């Protein structure tokens, strides 16, 4: 594996919703050339939603579109499905805003 020369980078510009530490981002930049920003998980009965985006140190988007991850434990009640749908929309809006 080749490391990238990022010795002069001391921090990464993150979106307001990013839950990743600066030290993790600096390691990512060194090894991958990009920082992966992860949101805090949002969860309900039997499901969890998180979203990500990748940027350079200056916060400019790089090589991948933002992603939304949905995890479920199986079937959901109608109320659980409604809560999931509303939370999914909120995560989408945060990721694109």
N, C-alpha and C. Protein backbone atom coordinates (compact mmCIF):
# COMPACT_ATOMS: atom_id res chain seq x y z
N UNK A 1 0.84 -1.17 0.00
CA UNK A 1 0.00 0.00 0.00
C UNK A 1 0.89 1.24 0.00
N UNK A 2 0.50 2.22 -0.75
CA UNK A 2 1.24 3.47 -0.85
C UNK A 2 0.58 4.53 0.01
N UNK A 3 1.37 5.25 0.79
CA UNK A 3 0.81 6.34 1.57
C UNK A 3 0.92 7.62 0.75
N UNK A 4 0.01 8.53 1.00
CA UNK A 4 0.00 9.81 0.31
C UNK A 4 0.68 10.86 1.18
N UNK A 5 1.29 11.83 0.55
CA UNK A 5 1.97 12.88 1.30
C UNK A 5 0.96 13.90 1.80
N UNK A 6 0.55 13.77 3.04
CA UNK A 6 -0.40 14.71 3.64
C UNK A 6 0.18 15.33 4.91
N UNK A 7 1.50 15.39 4.99
CA UNK A 7 2.17 15.88 6.20
C UNK A 7 1.73 17.28 6.57
N UNK A 8 1.40 18.13 5.60
CA UNK A 8 1.04 19.51 5.90
C UNK A 8 -0.42 19.65 6.34
N UNK A 9 -1.22 18.61 6.20
CA UNK A 9 -2.62 18.68 6.60
C UNK A 9 -2.73 18.44 8.10
N UNK A 10 -3.37 19.37 8.79
CA UNK A 10 -3.52 19.23 10.24
C UNK A 10 -4.96 19.06 10.67
N UNK A 11 -5.89 19.18 9.73
CA UNK A 11 -7.30 19.02 10.06
C UNK A 11 -8.12 18.87 8.80
N UNK A 12 -9.33 18.39 8.97
CA UNK A 12 -10.24 18.15 7.88
C UNK A 12 -11.51 18.96 8.12
N UNK A 13 -12.00 19.62 7.09
CA UNK A 13 -13.27 20.35 7.18
C UNK A 13 -14.39 19.31 7.09
N UNK A 14 -15.22 19.27 8.13
CA UNK A 14 -16.30 18.28 8.21
C UNK A 14 -17.66 18.95 8.08
N UNK A 15 -18.64 18.19 7.55
CA UNK A 15 -20.02 18.69 7.62
C UNK A 15 -20.46 18.74 9.08
N UNK A 16 -21.43 19.56 9.39
CA UNK A 16 -21.88 19.72 10.78
C UNK A 16 -22.34 18.41 11.40
N UNK A 17 -22.82 17.46 10.61
CA UNK A 17 -23.35 16.20 11.12
C UNK A 17 -22.30 15.11 11.31
N UNK A 18 -21.06 15.35 10.93
CA UNK A 18 -20.01 14.31 10.97
C UNK A 18 -19.69 13.91 12.41
N UNK A 19 -19.61 12.59 12.64
CA UNK A 19 -19.30 12.08 13.98
C UNK A 19 -17.92 11.43 14.06
N UNK A 20 -17.09 11.61 13.05
CA UNK A 20 -15.77 10.99 12.98
C UNK A 20 -14.73 11.93 13.57
N UNK A 21 -13.75 11.38 14.29
CA UNK A 21 -12.71 12.21 14.91
C UNK A 21 -11.72 12.72 13.87
N UNK A 22 -11.07 13.82 14.18
CA UNK A 22 -10.04 14.37 13.30
C UNK A 22 -8.89 13.39 13.12
N UNK A 23 -8.50 12.69 14.18
CA UNK A 23 -7.39 11.75 14.05
C UNK A 23 -7.73 10.62 13.07
N UNK A 24 -8.96 10.16 13.08
CA UNK A 24 -9.38 9.14 12.12
C UNK A 24 -9.33 9.70 10.70
N UNK A 25 -9.83 10.92 10.52
CA UNK A 25 -9.80 11.54 9.20
C UNK A 25 -8.36 11.70 8.69
N UNK A 26 -7.46 12.11 9.55
CA UNK A 26 -6.07 12.29 9.12
C UNK A 26 -5.45 10.97 8.70
N UNK A 27 -5.77 9.88 9.40
CA UNK A 27 -5.30 8.54 8.99
C UNK A 27 -5.89 8.17 7.63
N UNK A 28 -7.19 8.44 7.44
CA UNK A 28 -7.84 8.14 6.16
C UNK A 28 -7.18 8.90 5.01
N UNK A 29 -6.89 10.19 5.24
CA UNK A 29 -6.24 10.99 4.20
C UNK A 29 -4.88 10.41 3.85
N UNK A 30 -4.16 10.01 4.87
CA UNK A 30 -2.81 9.48 4.64
C UNK A 30 -2.85 8.20 3.81
N UNK A 31 -3.81 7.31 4.12
CA UNK A 31 -3.84 6.01 3.45
C UNK A 31 -4.74 5.98 2.22
N UNK A 32 -5.82 6.74 2.23
CA UNK A 32 -6.81 6.65 1.16
C UNK A 32 -6.93 7.92 0.32
N UNK A 33 -6.42 9.03 0.82
CA UNK A 33 -6.52 10.28 0.09
C UNK A 33 -7.88 10.95 0.20
N UNK A 34 -8.72 10.47 1.10
CA UNK A 34 -10.04 11.07 1.32
C UNK A 34 -10.48 10.81 2.75
N UNK A 35 -11.40 11.62 3.21
CA UNK A 35 -11.97 11.46 4.56
C UNK A 35 -13.41 11.00 4.41
N UNK A 36 -13.79 9.97 5.15
CA UNK A 36 -15.17 9.48 5.14
C UNK A 36 -15.90 10.06 6.33
N UNK A 37 -16.95 10.81 6.06
CA UNK A 37 -17.76 11.43 7.10
C UNK A 37 -18.99 10.54 7.35
N UNK A 38 -19.18 10.13 8.60
CA UNK A 38 -20.33 9.30 9.00
C UNK A 38 -21.22 10.09 9.94
N UNK A 39 -22.52 10.01 9.72
CA UNK A 39 -23.48 10.64 10.64
C UNK A 39 -23.63 9.75 11.87
N UNK A 40 -24.17 10.33 12.92
CA UNK A 40 -24.58 9.52 14.06
C UNK A 40 -25.72 8.62 13.60
N UNK A 41 -25.84 7.44 14.20
CA UNK A 41 -26.97 6.58 13.81
C UNK A 41 -28.29 7.14 14.34
N UNK A 42 -29.32 6.96 13.55
CA UNK A 42 -30.69 7.25 13.97
C UNK A 42 -31.37 5.90 14.00
N UNK A 43 -32.05 5.61 15.09
CA UNK A 43 -32.62 4.26 15.19
C UNK A 43 -34.01 4.28 15.78
N UNK A 44 -34.70 3.20 15.53
CA UNK A 44 -36.03 2.99 16.06
C UNK A 44 -36.18 1.51 16.37
N UNK A 45 -37.40 1.07 16.52
CA UNK A 45 -37.66 -0.31 16.88
C UNK A 45 -37.31 -1.23 15.70
N UNK A 46 -36.13 -1.86 15.76
CA UNK A 46 -35.72 -2.81 14.75
C UNK A 46 -34.99 -2.26 13.54
N UNK A 47 -34.60 -0.98 13.55
CA UNK A 47 -33.90 -0.41 12.41
C UNK A 47 -32.90 0.67 12.83
N UNK A 48 -31.96 0.97 11.92
CA UNK A 48 -30.97 2.02 12.12
C UNK A 48 -30.62 2.63 10.76
N UNK A 49 -30.41 3.94 10.73
CA UNK A 49 -30.04 4.66 9.52
C UNK A 49 -28.80 5.52 9.82
N UNK A 50 -27.82 5.49 8.89
CA UNK A 50 -26.67 6.39 8.92
C UNK A 50 -26.40 6.84 7.49
N UNK A 51 -25.70 7.95 7.35
CA UNK A 51 -25.28 8.36 6.01
C UNK A 51 -23.83 8.80 6.02
N UNK A 52 -23.23 8.75 4.83
CA UNK A 52 -21.81 9.07 4.68
C UNK A 52 -21.58 9.97 3.47
N UNK A 53 -20.43 10.62 3.49
CA UNK A 53 -19.93 11.31 2.31
C UNK A 53 -18.41 11.30 2.40
N UNK A 54 -17.75 11.45 1.25
CA UNK A 54 -16.29 11.47 1.21
C UNK A 54 -15.83 12.83 0.70
N UNK A 55 -14.80 13.39 1.36
CA UNK A 55 -14.25 14.69 0.93
C UNK A 55 -12.73 14.66 1.01
N UNK A 56 -12.13 15.71 0.45
CA UNK A 56 -10.71 15.94 0.68
C UNK A 56 -10.57 16.73 1.98
N UNK A 57 -9.38 17.15 2.31
CA UNK A 57 -9.15 17.87 3.57
C UNK A 57 -9.90 19.19 3.64
N UNK A 58 -10.17 19.80 2.49
CA UNK A 58 -10.86 21.09 2.46
C UNK A 58 -12.37 20.97 2.47
N UNK A 59 -12.87 19.74 2.54
CA UNK A 59 -14.31 19.53 2.58
C UNK A 59 -14.96 19.45 1.21
N UNK A 60 -14.16 19.34 0.15
CA UNK A 60 -14.70 19.23 -1.21
C UNK A 60 -14.99 17.77 -1.53
N UNK A 61 -16.16 17.50 -2.08
CA UNK A 61 -16.57 16.12 -2.39
C UNK A 61 -15.57 15.46 -3.33
N UNK A 62 -15.33 14.17 -3.08
CA UNK A 62 -14.45 13.38 -3.95
C UNK A 62 -15.12 12.08 -4.34
N UNK A 63 -14.85 11.61 -5.45
CA UNK A 63 -15.10 10.32 -6.12
C UNK A 63 -16.29 9.44 -5.75
N UNK A 64 -17.07 9.75 -4.75
CA UNK A 64 -18.25 8.94 -4.46
C UNK A 64 -19.42 9.83 -4.10
N UNK A 65 -20.61 9.39 -4.45
CA UNK A 65 -21.81 10.11 -4.03
C UNK A 65 -22.09 9.80 -2.57
N UNK A 66 -22.77 10.71 -1.86
CA UNK A 66 -23.18 10.37 -0.50
C UNK A 66 -24.00 9.07 -0.50
N UNK A 67 -23.87 8.32 0.57
CA UNK A 67 -24.56 7.04 0.70
C UNK A 67 -25.43 7.05 1.95
N UNK A 68 -26.57 6.37 1.89
CA UNK A 68 -27.45 6.18 3.05
C UNK A 68 -27.49 4.69 3.34
N UNK A 69 -27.25 4.30 4.59
CA UNK A 69 -27.25 2.90 5.00
C UNK A 69 -28.44 2.64 5.91
N UNK A 70 -29.24 1.64 5.58
CA UNK A 70 -30.40 1.26 6.37
C UNK A 70 -30.19 -0.19 6.81
N UNK A 71 -30.29 -0.43 8.11
CA UNK A 71 -30.17 -1.78 8.66
C UNK A 71 -31.46 -2.10 9.39
N UNK A 72 -32.00 -3.28 9.14
CA UNK A 72 -33.20 -3.71 9.87
C UNK A 72 -32.97 -5.10 10.47
N UNK A 73 -33.72 -5.39 11.50
CA UNK A 73 -33.66 -6.70 12.14
C UNK A 73 -34.68 -7.66 11.54
N UNK A 74 -35.42 -7.23 10.56
CA UNK A 74 -36.46 -8.06 9.97
C UNK A 74 -37.68 -7.20 9.66
N UNK A 75 -38.84 -7.80 9.74
CA UNK A 75 -40.07 -7.06 9.48
C UNK A 75 -40.33 -5.97 10.49
N UNK A 76 -41.08 -4.97 10.05
CA UNK A 76 -41.42 -3.84 10.92
C UNK A 76 -42.93 -3.75 11.07
N UNK A 77 -43.36 -3.27 12.21
CA UNK A 77 -44.77 -2.95 12.37
C UNK A 77 -45.08 -1.77 11.46
N UNK A 78 -46.35 -1.49 11.25
CA UNK A 78 -46.71 -0.32 10.43
C UNK A 78 -46.19 0.96 11.07
N UNK A 79 -46.28 1.06 12.38
CA UNK A 79 -45.77 2.26 13.07
C UNK A 79 -44.25 2.34 12.92
N UNK A 80 -43.57 1.20 13.02
CA UNK A 80 -42.12 1.17 12.83
C UNK A 80 -41.73 1.56 11.42
N UNK A 81 -42.49 1.09 10.42
CA UNK A 81 -42.22 1.43 9.03
C UNK A 81 -42.43 2.92 8.78
N UNK A 82 -43.46 3.49 9.40
CA UNK A 82 -43.70 4.93 9.25
C UNK A 82 -42.54 5.73 9.87
N UNK A 83 -42.11 5.33 11.06
CA UNK A 83 -40.99 6.02 11.71
C UNK A 83 -39.72 5.89 10.87
N UNK A 84 -39.49 4.70 10.31
CA UNK A 84 -38.33 4.49 9.44
C UNK A 84 -38.41 5.41 8.22
N UNK A 85 -39.57 5.48 7.58
CA UNK A 85 -39.73 6.31 6.39
C UNK A 85 -39.47 7.78 6.69
N UNK A 86 -40.00 8.28 7.80
CA UNK A 86 -39.79 9.68 8.16
C UNK A 86 -38.33 9.96 8.50
N UNK A 87 -37.69 9.03 9.19
CA UNK A 87 -36.29 9.21 9.54
C UNK A 87 -35.40 9.10 8.31
N UNK A 88 -35.75 8.21 7.39
CA UNK A 88 -35.00 8.08 6.15
C UNK A 88 -35.06 9.39 5.36
N UNK A 89 -36.21 10.01 5.30
CA UNK A 89 -36.36 11.30 4.62
C UNK A 89 -35.50 12.37 5.31
N UNK A 90 -35.50 12.39 6.63
CA UNK A 90 -34.69 13.37 7.36
C UNK A 90 -33.20 13.14 7.12
N UNK A 91 -32.77 11.88 7.09
CA UNK A 91 -31.36 11.57 6.81
C UNK A 91 -30.99 11.99 5.40
N UNK A 92 -31.87 11.74 4.44
CA UNK A 92 -31.66 12.16 3.06
C UNK A 92 -31.49 13.68 2.98
N UNK A 93 -32.37 14.41 3.62
CA UNK A 93 -32.31 15.86 3.59
C UNK A 93 -31.02 16.37 4.22
N UNK A 94 -30.60 15.74 5.32
CA UNK A 94 -29.35 16.15 5.97
C UNK A 94 -28.16 15.86 5.06
N UNK A 95 -28.16 14.70 4.41
CA UNK A 95 -27.05 14.31 3.56
C UNK A 95 -26.93 15.19 2.31
N UNK A 96 -28.04 15.70 1.82
CA UNK A 96 -27.99 16.50 0.60
C UNK A 96 -27.98 18.00 0.89
N UNK A 97 -28.19 18.36 2.16
CA UNK A 97 -28.26 19.78 2.51
C UNK A 97 -26.98 20.35 2.80
